[in-house]
Amino acid sequence: QVQLVESGGGLVQAGGSLRLSCVTSNRITSFTSMAWYRQAAGEQRDLVAFITGLGGTNYADSVKGRFTISRDNAKNTVYLQMNSLKPEDTAVYYCRSNYKATYNWGQGTQVTVSS
């Protein structure tokens, strides 16, 4: 069973930055892809960004140009650098791994952006 542990959430003012981390229990290079999702209160869980095994990335339109997903293979960690944060970015952020269409989730980390 893959274990994912997120960290880095918190309270930040609009315009500020946070960096989320997700440490995996398995070699990160073994995964087909890694992704960040977020879920605001009362809303569905939506994809924010993903990174493939080859390093390709994709982003939701709402975060393009502000968020960057990356990974450190040596640390088995995927990051989400979030800049120019907006109140509408407030949500619980989840890390998800994809190993040959088997998905695992972290416990989530709260990000709150005040106006």
N, C-alpha and C. Protein backbone atom coordinates (compact mmCIF):
# COMPACT_ATOMS: atom_id res chain seq x y z
N GLN A 1 0.84 -1.19 0.00
CA GLN A 1 0.00 0.00 0.00
C GLN A 1 0.88 1.24 0.00
N VAL A 2 0.64 2.10 -0.97
CA VAL A 2 1.41 3.33 -1.06
C VAL A 2 0.93 4.31 0.01
N GLN A 3 1.87 4.93 0.67
CA GLN A 3 1.52 5.97 1.64
C GLN A 3 2.02 7.31 1.14
N LEU A 4 1.16 8.30 1.25
CA LEU A 4 1.47 9.66 0.82
C LEU A 4 1.23 10.59 2.00
N VAL A 5 2.19 11.44 2.29
CA VAL A 5 2.07 12.37 3.41
C VAL A 5 2.30 13.78 2.92
N GLU A 6 1.24 14.59 3.00
CA GLU A 6 1.33 15.98 2.56
C GLU A 6 1.70 16.88 3.74
N SER A 7 2.31 18.00 3.41
CA SER A 7 2.61 19.03 4.40
C SER A 7 2.77 20.36 3.68
N GLY A 8 2.81 21.43 4.48
CA GLY A 8 3.08 22.75 3.90
C GLY A 8 1.88 23.67 3.83
N GLY A 9 0.71 23.17 4.16
CA GLY A 9 -0.46 24.03 4.15
C GLY A 9 -0.43 25.04 5.28
N GLY A 10 -1.37 25.97 5.24
CA GLY A 10 -1.45 26.97 6.29
C GLY A 10 -2.32 28.13 5.89
N LEU A 11 -2.21 29.20 6.66
CA LEU A 11 -2.97 30.43 6.42
C LEU A 11 -2.03 31.46 5.82
N VAL A 12 -2.45 32.06 4.72
CA VAL A 12 -1.64 33.06 4.04
C VAL A 12 -2.54 34.16 3.51
N GLN A 13 -2.01 35.36 3.40
CA GLN A 13 -2.78 36.46 2.83
C GLN A 13 -2.80 36.37 1.32
N ALA A 14 -3.82 36.95 0.73
CA ALA A 14 -3.91 37.00 -0.72
C ALA A 14 -2.63 37.62 -1.29
N GLY A 15 -2.14 37.03 -2.37
CA GLY A 15 -0.90 37.48 -2.98
C GLY A 15 0.33 36.76 -2.46
N GLY A 16 0.16 36.00 -1.40
CA GLY A 16 1.28 35.28 -0.81
C GLY A 16 1.57 33.96 -1.50
N SER A 17 2.52 33.23 -0.92
CA SER A 17 2.96 31.96 -1.50
C SER A 17 3.02 30.87 -0.44
N LEU A 18 2.83 29.64 -0.90
CA LEU A 18 3.04 28.45 -0.08
C LEU A 18 3.63 27.38 -0.97
N ARG A 19 4.38 26.47 -0.35
CA ARG A 19 4.86 25.29 -1.07
C ARG A 19 4.40 24.04 -0.33
N LEU A 20 3.62 23.24 -1.04
CA LEU A 20 3.15 21.97 -0.50
C LEU A 20 4.13 20.87 -0.88
N SER A 21 4.27 19.90 0.01
CA SER A 21 5.12 18.74 -0.24
C SER A 21 4.31 17.47 -0.05
N CYS A 22 4.66 16.46 -0.81
CA CYS A 22 4.02 15.15 -0.69
C CYS A 22 5.13 14.10 -0.77
N VAL A 23 5.37 13.43 0.34
CA VAL A 23 6.40 12.40 0.39
C VAL A 23 5.74 11.04 0.18
N THR A 24 6.33 10.23 -0.70
CA THR A 24 5.78 8.92 -1.00
C THR A 24 6.59 7.83 -0.32
N SER A 25 5.92 6.71 -0.03
CA SER A 25 6.61 5.58 0.60
C SER A 25 7.32 4.73 -0.43
N ASN A 26 6.99 4.91 -1.71
CA ASN A 26 7.62 4.15 -2.80
C ASN A 26 8.50 5.08 -3.62
N ARG A 27 9.36 4.47 -4.45
CA ARG A 27 10.17 5.29 -5.35
C ARG A 27 9.27 6.10 -6.26
N ILE A 28 9.45 7.40 -6.24
CA ILE A 28 8.54 8.26 -7.00
C ILE A 28 8.66 8.02 -8.49
N THR A 29 9.81 7.55 -8.93
CA THR A 29 10.00 7.29 -10.36
C THR A 29 9.23 6.06 -10.83
N SER A 30 8.69 5.28 -9.90
CA SER A 30 7.91 4.10 -10.28
C SER A 30 6.48 4.45 -10.67
N PHE A 31 6.05 5.65 -10.34
CA PHE A 31 4.65 6.01 -10.59
C PHE A 31 4.43 6.48 -12.02
N THR A 32 3.27 6.16 -12.53
CA THR A 32 2.88 6.65 -13.84
C THR A 32 2.77 8.18 -13.81
N SER A 33 2.18 8.68 -12.76
CA SER A 33 2.07 10.12 -12.58
C SER A 33 1.79 10.43 -11.11
N MET A 34 2.00 11.68 -10.76
CA MET A 34 1.64 12.21 -9.45
C MET A 34 0.81 13.47 -9.68
N ALA A 35 -0.16 13.70 -8.81
CA ALA A 35 -1.04 14.83 -9.02
C ALA A 35 -1.40 15.51 -7.70
N TRP A 36 -1.79 16.74 -7.83
CA TRP A 36 -2.39 17.50 -6.73
C TRP A 36 -3.84 17.81 -7.10
N TYR A 37 -4.71 17.55 -6.14
CA TYR A 37 -6.13 17.90 -6.24
C TYR A 37 -6.46 18.85 -5.10
N ARG A 38 -7.61 19.50 -5.22
CA ARG A 38 -8.08 20.31 -4.10
C ARG A 38 -9.60 20.21 -4.00
N GLN A 39 -10.07 20.39 -2.77
CA GLN A 39 -11.49 20.32 -2.52
C GLN A 39 -11.88 21.42 -1.55
N ALA A 40 -12.64 22.38 -2.06
CA ALA A 40 -13.17 23.43 -1.21
C ALA A 40 -14.41 22.91 -0.49
N ALA A 41 -14.76 23.56 0.60
CA ALA A 41 -15.91 23.14 1.40
C ALA A 41 -17.18 23.10 0.54
N GLY A 42 -17.86 21.97 0.56
CA GLY A 42 -19.09 21.83 -0.18
C GLY A 42 -18.94 21.64 -1.67
N GLU A 43 -17.69 21.49 -2.13
CA GLU A 43 -17.43 21.36 -3.55
C GLU A 43 -16.85 19.98 -3.85
N GLN A 44 -16.77 19.66 -5.14
CA GLN A 44 -16.15 18.41 -5.54
C GLN A 44 -14.63 18.56 -5.54
N ARG A 45 -13.95 17.43 -5.55
CA ARG A 45 -12.49 17.44 -5.59
C ARG A 45 -12.06 17.62 -7.05
N ASP A 46 -11.22 18.61 -7.28
CA ASP A 46 -10.80 18.95 -8.63
C ASP A 46 -9.29 18.82 -8.81
N LEU A 47 -8.90 18.46 -10.02
CA LEU A 47 -7.48 18.37 -10.36
C LEU A 47 -6.86 19.76 -10.42
N VAL A 48 -5.71 19.91 -9.80
CA VAL A 48 -4.97 21.17 -9.86
C VAL A 48 -3.81 21.06 -10.83
N ALA A 49 -3.03 19.99 -10.70
CA ALA A 49 -1.86 19.82 -11.56
C ALA A 49 -1.39 18.38 -11.47
N PHE A 50 -0.72 17.91 -12.53
CA PHE A 50 -0.10 16.60 -12.46
C PHE A 50 1.23 16.62 -13.19
N ILE A 51 2.05 15.65 -12.83
CA ILE A 51 3.36 15.47 -13.45
C ILE A 51 3.50 14.00 -13.80
N THR A 52 3.90 13.72 -15.03
CA THR A 52 4.02 12.35 -15.50
C THR A 52 5.38 11.76 -15.12
N GLY A 53 5.50 10.46 -15.35
CA GLY A 53 6.77 9.80 -15.09
C GLY A 53 7.92 10.36 -15.90
N LEU A 54 7.60 10.93 -17.06
CA LEU A 54 8.63 11.51 -17.91
C LEU A 54 8.86 12.99 -17.61
N GLY A 55 8.10 13.52 -16.65
CA GLY A 55 8.29 14.91 -16.26
C GLY A 55 7.37 15.90 -16.92
N GLY A 56 6.47 15.43 -17.77
CA GLY A 56 5.51 16.34 -18.36
C GLY A 56 4.53 16.84 -17.32
N THR A 57 4.06 18.07 -17.49
CA THR A 57 3.16 18.66 -16.50
C THR A 57 1.91 19.22 -17.18
N ASN A 58 0.87 19.34 -16.40
CA ASN A 58 -0.36 19.95 -16.88
C ASN A 58 -1.05 20.62 -15.69
N TYR A 59 -1.79 21.68 -15.97
CA TYR A 59 -2.40 22.48 -14.91
C TYR A 59 -3.85 22.82 -15.23
N ALA A 60 -4.63 22.98 -14.17
CA ALA A 60 -5.96 23.53 -14.34
C ALA A 60 -5.83 24.97 -14.81
N ASP A 61 -6.78 25.42 -15.61
CA ASP A 61 -6.71 26.79 -16.13
C ASP A 61 -6.66 27.82 -15.01
N SER A 62 -7.33 27.53 -13.91
CA SER A 62 -7.43 28.49 -12.82
C SER A 62 -6.10 28.74 -12.11
N VAL A 63 -5.11 27.86 -12.30
CA VAL A 63 -3.84 28.01 -11.60
C VAL A 63 -2.66 28.21 -12.54
N LYS A 64 -2.88 28.13 -13.84
CA LYS A 64 -1.79 28.30 -14.80
C LYS A 64 -1.09 29.64 -14.59
N GLY A 65 0.23 29.57 -14.59
CA GLY A 65 1.02 30.78 -14.41
C GLY A 65 1.24 31.15 -12.96
N ARG A 66 0.54 30.50 -12.04
CA ARG A 66 0.70 30.80 -10.61
C ARG A 66 1.27 29.61 -9.84
N PHE A 67 0.89 28.42 -10.22
CA PHE A 67 1.31 27.20 -9.51
C PHE A 67 2.31 26.43 -10.37
N THR A 68 3.22 25.74 -9.70
CA THR A 68 4.19 24.91 -10.39
C THR A 68 4.32 23.57 -9.66
N ILE A 69 4.15 22.48 -10.39
CA ILE A 69 4.35 21.15 -9.82
C ILE A 69 5.75 20.67 -10.21
N SER A 70 6.42 20.04 -9.27
CA SER A 70 7.75 19.52 -9.54
C SER A 70 7.99 18.32 -8.63
N ARG A 71 9.12 17.64 -8.86
CA ARG A 71 9.41 16.51 -7.99
C ARG A 71 10.91 16.41 -7.77
N ASP A 72 11.25 15.80 -6.65
CA ASP A 72 12.64 15.51 -6.32
C ASP A 72 12.74 14.00 -6.19
N ASN A 73 13.32 13.35 -7.19
CA ASN A 73 13.37 11.89 -7.21
C ASN A 73 14.16 11.33 -6.02
N ALA A 74 15.22 12.01 -5.66
CA ALA A 74 16.06 11.53 -4.56
C ALA A 74 15.32 11.54 -3.22
N LYS A 75 14.37 12.45 -3.09
CA LYS A 75 13.62 12.57 -1.85
C LYS A 75 12.24 11.93 -1.93
N ASN A 76 11.93 11.34 -3.09
CA ASN A 76 10.59 10.74 -3.30
C ASN A 76 9.49 11.72 -2.91
N THR A 77 9.64 12.94 -3.39
CA THR A 77 8.75 14.01 -2.99
C THR A 77 8.26 14.77 -4.22
N VAL A 78 6.99 15.11 -4.22
CA VAL A 78 6.42 15.99 -5.24
C VAL A 78 5.99 17.27 -4.54
N TYR A 79 6.20 18.38 -5.22
CA TYR A 79 5.91 19.69 -4.65
C TYR A 79 4.84 20.41 -5.46
N LEU A 80 4.18 21.32 -4.80
CA LEU A 80 3.30 22.27 -5.49
C LEU A 80 3.64 23.66 -4.96
N GLN A 81 4.33 24.42 -5.79
CA GLN A 81 4.65 25.80 -5.44
C GLN A 81 3.47 26.67 -5.86
N MET A 82 2.92 27.39 -4.90
CA MET A 82 1.73 28.19 -5.17
C MET A 82 2.07 29.66 -4.91
N ASN A 83 2.01 30.46 -5.95
CA ASN A 83 2.29 31.89 -5.86
C ASN A 83 1.03 32.69 -6.18
N SER A 84 1.06 33.96 -5.82
CA SER A 84 -0.07 34.85 -6.11
C SER A 84 -1.39 34.23 -5.68
N LEU A 85 -1.41 33.73 -4.48
CA LEU A 85 -2.60 33.02 -3.99
C LEU A 85 -3.79 33.95 -3.87
N LYS A 86 -4.95 33.37 -4.13
CA LYS A 86 -6.22 34.09 -4.09
C LYS A 86 -7.14 33.43 -3.08
N PRO A 87 -8.10 34.16 -2.54
CA PRO A 87 -9.05 33.54 -1.60
C PRO A 87 -9.74 32.31 -2.19
N GLU A 88 -9.97 32.31 -3.49
CA GLU A 88 -10.63 31.16 -4.11
C GLU A 88 -9.73 29.93 -4.21
N ASP A 89 -8.47 30.05 -3.83
CA ASP A 89 -7.59 28.89 -3.75
C ASP A 89 -7.75 28.15 -2.43
N THR A 90 -8.54 28.71 -1.52
CA THR A 90 -8.77 28.06 -0.23
C THR A 90 -9.43 26.70 -0.42
N ALA A 91 -8.80 25.67 0.15
CA ALA A 91 -9.28 24.30 -0.02
C ALA A 91 -8.38 23.35 0.77
N VAL A 92 -8.80 22.11 0.85
CA VAL A 92 -7.91 21.05 1.29
C VAL A 92 -7.23 20.50 0.04
N TYR A 93 -5.92 20.43 0.08
CA TYR A 93 -5.14 19.97 -1.06
C TYR A 93 -4.68 18.53 -0.80
N TYR A 94 -4.89 17.69 -1.80
CA TYR A 94 -4.58 16.27 -1.69
C TYR A 94 -3.55 15.88 -2.74
N CYS A 95 -2.65 15.03 -2.34
CA CYS A 95 -1.69 14.41 -3.25
C CYS A 95 -2.27 13.06 -3.69
N ARG A 96 -2.08 12.72 -4.95
CA ARG A 96 -2.55 11.43 -5.45
C ARG A 96 -1.48 10.79 -6.31
N SER A 97 -1.25 9.51 -6.08
CA SER A 97 -0.32 8.76 -6.92
C SER A 97 -1.10 7.87 -7.87
N ASN A 98 -0.50 7.62 -9.01
CA ASN A 98 -1.08 6.74 -10.02
C ASN A 98 -0.01 5.73 -10.41
N TYR A 99 -0.23 4.48 -10.04
CA TYR A 99 0.67 3.41 -10.45
C TYR A 99 -0.13 2.45 -11.31
N LYS A 100 0.04 2.56 -12.60
CA LYS A 100 -0.64 1.67 -13.56
C LYS A 100 -2.14 1.62 -13.26
N ALA A 101 -2.75 2.79 -13.09
CA ALA A 101 -4.19 2.97 -12.87
C ALA A 101 -4.64 2.52 -11.49
N THR A 102 -3.71 2.31 -10.58
CA THR A 102 -4.04 2.14 -9.17
C THR A 102 -3.73 3.45 -8.45
N TYR A 103 -4.75 4.01 -7.80
CA TYR A 103 -4.62 5.35 -7.23
C TYR A 103 -4.60 5.30 -5.71
N ASN A 104 -3.77 6.14 -5.15
CA ASN A 104 -3.72 6.31 -3.70
C ASN A 104 -3.72 7.79 -3.36
N TRP A 105 -4.29 8.12 -2.21
CA TRP A 105 -4.44 9.51 -1.78
C TRP A 105 -3.75 9.75 -0.45
N GLY A 106 -3.29 10.97 -0.29
CA GLY A 106 -2.82 11.41 1.00
C GLY A 106 -3.99 11.88 1.85
N GLN A 107 -3.66 12.34 3.05
CA GLN A 107 -4.70 12.74 3.99
C GLN A 107 -5.16 14.18 3.77
N GLY A 108 -4.42 14.93 3.01
CA GLY A 108 -4.79 16.31 2.70
C GLY A 108 -4.14 17.32 3.63
N THR A 109 -3.98 18.52 3.12
CA THR A 109 -3.45 19.62 3.91
C THR A 109 -4.26 20.88 3.59
N GLN A 110 -4.65 21.60 4.63
CA GLN A 110 -5.53 22.75 4.47
C GLN A 110 -4.74 23.98 4.04
N VAL A 111 -5.24 24.63 3.02
CA VAL A 111 -4.71 25.93 2.58
C VAL A 111 -5.83 26.95 2.71
N THR A 112 -5.57 28.01 3.44
CA THR A 112 -6.55 29.06 3.62
C THR A 112 -5.92 30.39 3.21
N VAL A 113 -6.57 31.08 2.29
CA VAL A 113 -6.07 32.35 1.78
C VAL A 113 -7.04 33.45 2.22
N SER A 114 -6.55 34.38 3.00
CA SER A 114 -7.40 35.47 3.49
C SER A 114 -7.31 36.67 2.55
N SER A 115 -8.40 37.39 2.47
CA SER A 115 -8.44 38.56 1.58
C SER A 115 -7.99 39.82 2.29
